[in-house]
């Protein structure tokens, strides 16, 4: 199972936004685009900030689980190489996703 299956964050990217045809909403902010919504917007900035913070909290939990397993000598000694590699991949993907979400949160704040 891949890390992305544990969080909604990347699922929130619509196909249009990934193709660069977004509507100026939250997914565009996560991609690095500037805010193009109106004052009313289709969502509130405070709600989006809260959602990003919740997602970061979930990802932090997943990162901690992977780090704990990879830091456990008994796990490393007994687990098949594929399982260890999967945990390393989950940790790497989690760290990358956390970075993206943190950057999006900073763009919302600034």
C-alpha atoms as a PDB file:
ATOM      1  CA  UNK A   1       0.000   0.000   0.000  1.00  0.00           C
ATOM      2  CA  UNK A   2       1.357   3.404  -0.939  1.00  0.00           C
ATOM      3  CA  UNK A   3       1.424   6.427   1.376  1.00  0.00           C
ATOM      4  CA  UNK A   4      -1.023   8.411  -0.760  1.00  0.00           C
ATOM      5  CA  UNK A   5      -3.772   5.986   0.149  1.00  0.00           C
ATOM      6  CA  UNK A   6      -3.698   7.271   3.721  1.00  0.00           C
ATOM      7  CA  UNK A   7      -4.430  10.921   2.960  1.00  0.00           C
ATOM      8  CA  UNK A   8      -6.841  12.998   0.879  1.00  0.00           C
ATOM      9  CA  UNK A   9      -4.357  15.718   0.143  1.00  0.00           C
ATOM     10  CA  UNK A  10      -3.222  14.640  -3.285  1.00  0.00           C
ATOM     11  CA  UNK A  11      -6.657  13.303  -4.186  1.00  0.00           C
ATOM     12  CA  UNK A  12      -7.843  16.913  -3.867  1.00  0.00           C
ATOM     13  CA  UNK A  13      -5.917  17.762  -7.037  1.00  0.00           C
ATOM     14  CA  UNK A  14      -8.469  17.590  -9.812  1.00  0.00           C
ATOM     15  CA  UNK A  15      -7.413  16.482 -13.277  1.00  0.00           C
ATOM     16  CA  UNK A  16      -7.936  20.041 -14.532  1.00  0.00           C
ATOM     17  CA  UNK A  17      -5.643  21.499 -11.875  1.00  0.00           C
ATOM     18  CA  UNK A  18      -2.931  18.921 -12.512  1.00  0.00           C
ATOM     19  CA  UNK A  19      -3.073  19.815 -16.202  1.00  0.00           C
ATOM     20  CA  UNK A  20      -2.659  23.504 -15.317  1.00  0.00           C
ATOM     21  CA  UNK A  21      -6.270  24.367 -16.057  1.00  0.00           C
ATOM     22  CA  UNK A  22      -7.398  25.084 -12.517  1.00  0.00           C
ATOM     23  CA  UNK A  23      -9.998  27.528 -11.318  1.00  0.00           C
ATOM     24  CA  UNK A  24      -7.843  29.399  -8.803  1.00  0.00           C
ATOM     25  CA  UNK A  25      -9.003  27.277  -5.877  1.00  0.00           C
ATOM     26  CA  UNK A  26      -7.141  25.371  -3.176  1.00  0.00           C
ATOM     27  CA  UNK A  27      -5.526  22.875  -5.532  1.00  0.00           C
ATOM     28  CA  UNK A  28      -4.019  25.728  -7.519  1.00  0.00           C
ATOM     29  CA  UNK A  29      -2.605  27.201  -4.315  1.00  0.00           C
ATOM     30  CA  UNK A  30      -0.977  23.864  -3.511  1.00  0.00           C
ATOM     31  CA  UNK A  31       0.549  23.872  -7.008  1.00  0.00           C
ATOM     32  CA  UNK A  32       2.091  27.262  -6.335  1.00  0.00           C
ATOM     33  CA  UNK A  33      -0.287  29.462  -8.299  1.00  0.00           C
ATOM     34  CA  UNK A  34      -1.453  32.743  -6.852  1.00  0.00           C
ATOM     35  CA  UNK A  35      -4.919  33.230  -5.421  1.00  0.00           C
ATOM     36  CA  UNK A  36      -7.394  34.113  -8.149  1.00  0.00           C
ATOM     37  CA  UNK A  37     -10.666  33.585  -6.299  1.00  0.00           C
ATOM     38  CA  UNK A  38     -13.055  36.335  -5.348  1.00  0.00           C
ATOM     39  CA  UNK A  39     -13.575  37.507  -1.758  1.00  0.00           C
ATOM     40  CA  UNK A  40     -16.504  35.131  -1.229  1.00  0.00           C
ATOM     41  CA  UNK A  41     -14.646  32.272  -2.912  1.00  0.00           C
ATOM     42  CA  UNK A  42     -15.881  28.717  -3.185  1.00  0.00           C
ATOM     43  CA  UNK A  43     -14.289  28.027   0.195  1.00  0.00           C
ATOM     44  CA  UNK A  44     -13.027  30.075   3.081  1.00  0.00           C
ATOM     45  CA  UNK A  45      -9.320  30.619   3.587  1.00  0.00           C
ATOM     46  CA  UNK A  46      -9.685  29.805   7.270  1.00  0.00           C
ATOM     47  CA  UNK A  47     -11.339  26.488   6.443  1.00  0.00           C
ATOM     48  CA  UNK A  48      -8.634  25.643   3.923  1.00  0.00           C
ATOM     49  CA  UNK A  49      -5.936  26.552   6.460  1.00  0.00           C
ATOM     50  CA  UNK A  50      -7.609  24.273   9.020  1.00  0.00           C
ATOM     51  CA  UNK A  51      -7.899  21.451   6.498  1.00  0.00           C
ATOM     52  CA  UNK A  52      -4.231  21.749   5.535  1.00  0.00           C
ATOM     53  CA  UNK A  53      -3.225  21.706   9.203  1.00  0.00           C
ATOM     54  CA  UNK A  54      -5.303  18.556   9.763  1.00  0.00           C
ATOM     55  CA  UNK A  55      -3.721  16.894   6.726  1.00  0.00           C
ATOM     56  CA  UNK A  56      -0.247  17.823   7.963  1.00  0.00           C
ATOM     57  CA  UNK A  57      -1.121  16.283  11.347  1.00  0.00           C
ATOM     58  CA  UNK A  58      -2.227  13.032   9.686  1.00  0.00           C
ATOM     59  CA  UNK A  59       0.908  12.916   7.582  1.00  0.00           C
ATOM     60  CA  UNK A  60       3.074  13.601  10.646  1.00  0.00           C
ATOM     61  CA  UNK A  61       1.500  10.532  12.258  1.00  0.00           C
ATOM     62  CA  UNK A  62       2.247   8.376   9.216  1.00  0.00           C
ATOM     63  CA  UNK A  63       5.812   9.707   9.074  1.00  0.00           C
ATOM     64  CA  UNK A  64       6.289   8.906  12.765  1.00  0.00           C
ATOM     65  CA  UNK A  65       5.039   5.326  12.212  1.00  0.00           C
ATOM     66  CA  UNK A  66       7.438   4.772   9.326  1.00  0.00           C
ATOM     67  CA  UNK A  67      10.352   6.312  11.256  1.00  0.00           C
ATOM     68  CA  UNK A  68       9.575   4.119  14.265  1.00  0.00           C
ATOM     69  CA  UNK A  69       9.574   0.961  12.160  1.00  0.00           C
ATOM     70  CA  UNK A  70      12.742   1.917  10.322  1.00  0.00           C
ATOM     71  CA  UNK A  71      14.431   2.775  13.621  1.00  0.00           C
ATOM     72  CA  UNK A  72      13.560  -0.631  15.107  1.00  0.00           C
ATOM     73  CA  UNK A  73      16.503  -3.024  14.699  1.00  0.00           C
ATOM     74  CA  UNK A  74      14.264  -6.048  15.309  1.00  0.00           C
ATOM     75  CA  UNK A  75      11.919  -4.962  12.509  1.00  0.00           C
ATOM     76  CA  UNK A  76      14.820  -4.430  10.127  1.00  0.00           C
ATOM     77  CA  UNK A  77      16.296  -7.831  10.999  1.00  0.00           C
ATOM     78  CA  UNK A  78      13.054  -9.781  10.520  1.00  0.00           C
ATOM     79  CA  UNK A  79      11.181  -7.922   7.802  1.00  0.00           C
ATOM     80  CA  UNK A  80      11.608  -8.895   4.156  1.00  0.00           C
ATOM     81  CA  UNK A  81      13.528  -6.391   2.063  1.00  0.00           C
ATOM     82  CA  UNK A  82      10.361  -5.465   0.137  1.00  0.00           C
ATOM     83  CA  UNK A  83       8.607  -4.450   3.368  1.00  0.00           C
ATOM     84  CA  UNK A  84      11.551  -2.337   4.494  1.00  0.00           C
ATOM     85  CA  UNK A  85      11.695  -0.684   1.062  1.00  0.00           C
ATOM     86  CA  UNK A  86       7.950   0.008   1.262  1.00  0.00           C
ATOM     87  CA  UNK A  87       8.418   1.757   4.613  1.00  0.00           C
ATOM     88  CA  UNK A  88      11.283   3.807   3.178  1.00  0.00           C
ATOM     89  CA  UNK A  89       9.080   4.792   0.226  1.00  0.00           C
ATOM     90  CA  UNK A  90       6.224   5.745   2.557  1.00  0.00           C
ATOM     91  CA  UNK A  91       8.579   7.890   4.613  1.00  0.00           C
ATOM     92  CA  UNK A  92       9.996   9.603   1.527  1.00  0.00           C
ATOM     93  CA  UNK A  93       6.549  10.246   0.028  1.00  0.00           C
ATOM     94  CA  UNK A  94       5.242  11.488   3.364  1.00  0.00           C
ATOM     95  CA  UNK A  95       8.081  13.944   3.765  1.00  0.00           C
ATOM     96  CA  UNK A  96       7.569  15.247   0.214  1.00  0.00           C
ATOM     97  CA  UNK A  97       3.822  15.618   0.694  1.00  0.00           C
ATOM     98  CA  UNK A  98       4.346  17.315   4.046  1.00  0.00           C
ATOM     99  CA  UNK A  99       6.647  19.808   2.342  1.00  0.00           C
ATOM    100  CA  UNK A 100       4.042  20.568  -0.325  1.00  0.00           C
ATOM    101  CA  UNK A 101       1.280  21.051   2.225  1.00  0.00           C
ATOM    102  CA  UNK A 102       3.466  23.195   4.459  1.00  0.00           C
ATOM    103  CA  UNK A 103       4.345  25.395   1.482  1.00  0.00           C
ATOM    104  CA  UNK A 104       0.656  25.708   0.600  1.00  0.00           C
ATOM    105  CA  UNK A 105      -0.142  26.655   4.195  1.00  0.00           C
ATOM    106  CA  UNK A 106       2.583  29.310   4.122  1.00  0.00           C
ATOM    107  CA  UNK A 107       1.193  30.730   0.861  1.00  0.00           C
ATOM    108  CA  UNK A 108      -2.247  30.990   2.464  1.00  0.00           C
ATOM    109  CA  UNK A 109      -0.789  32.780   5.466  1.00  0.00           C
ATOM    110  CA  UNK A 110       1.306  35.196   3.449  1.00  0.00           C
END
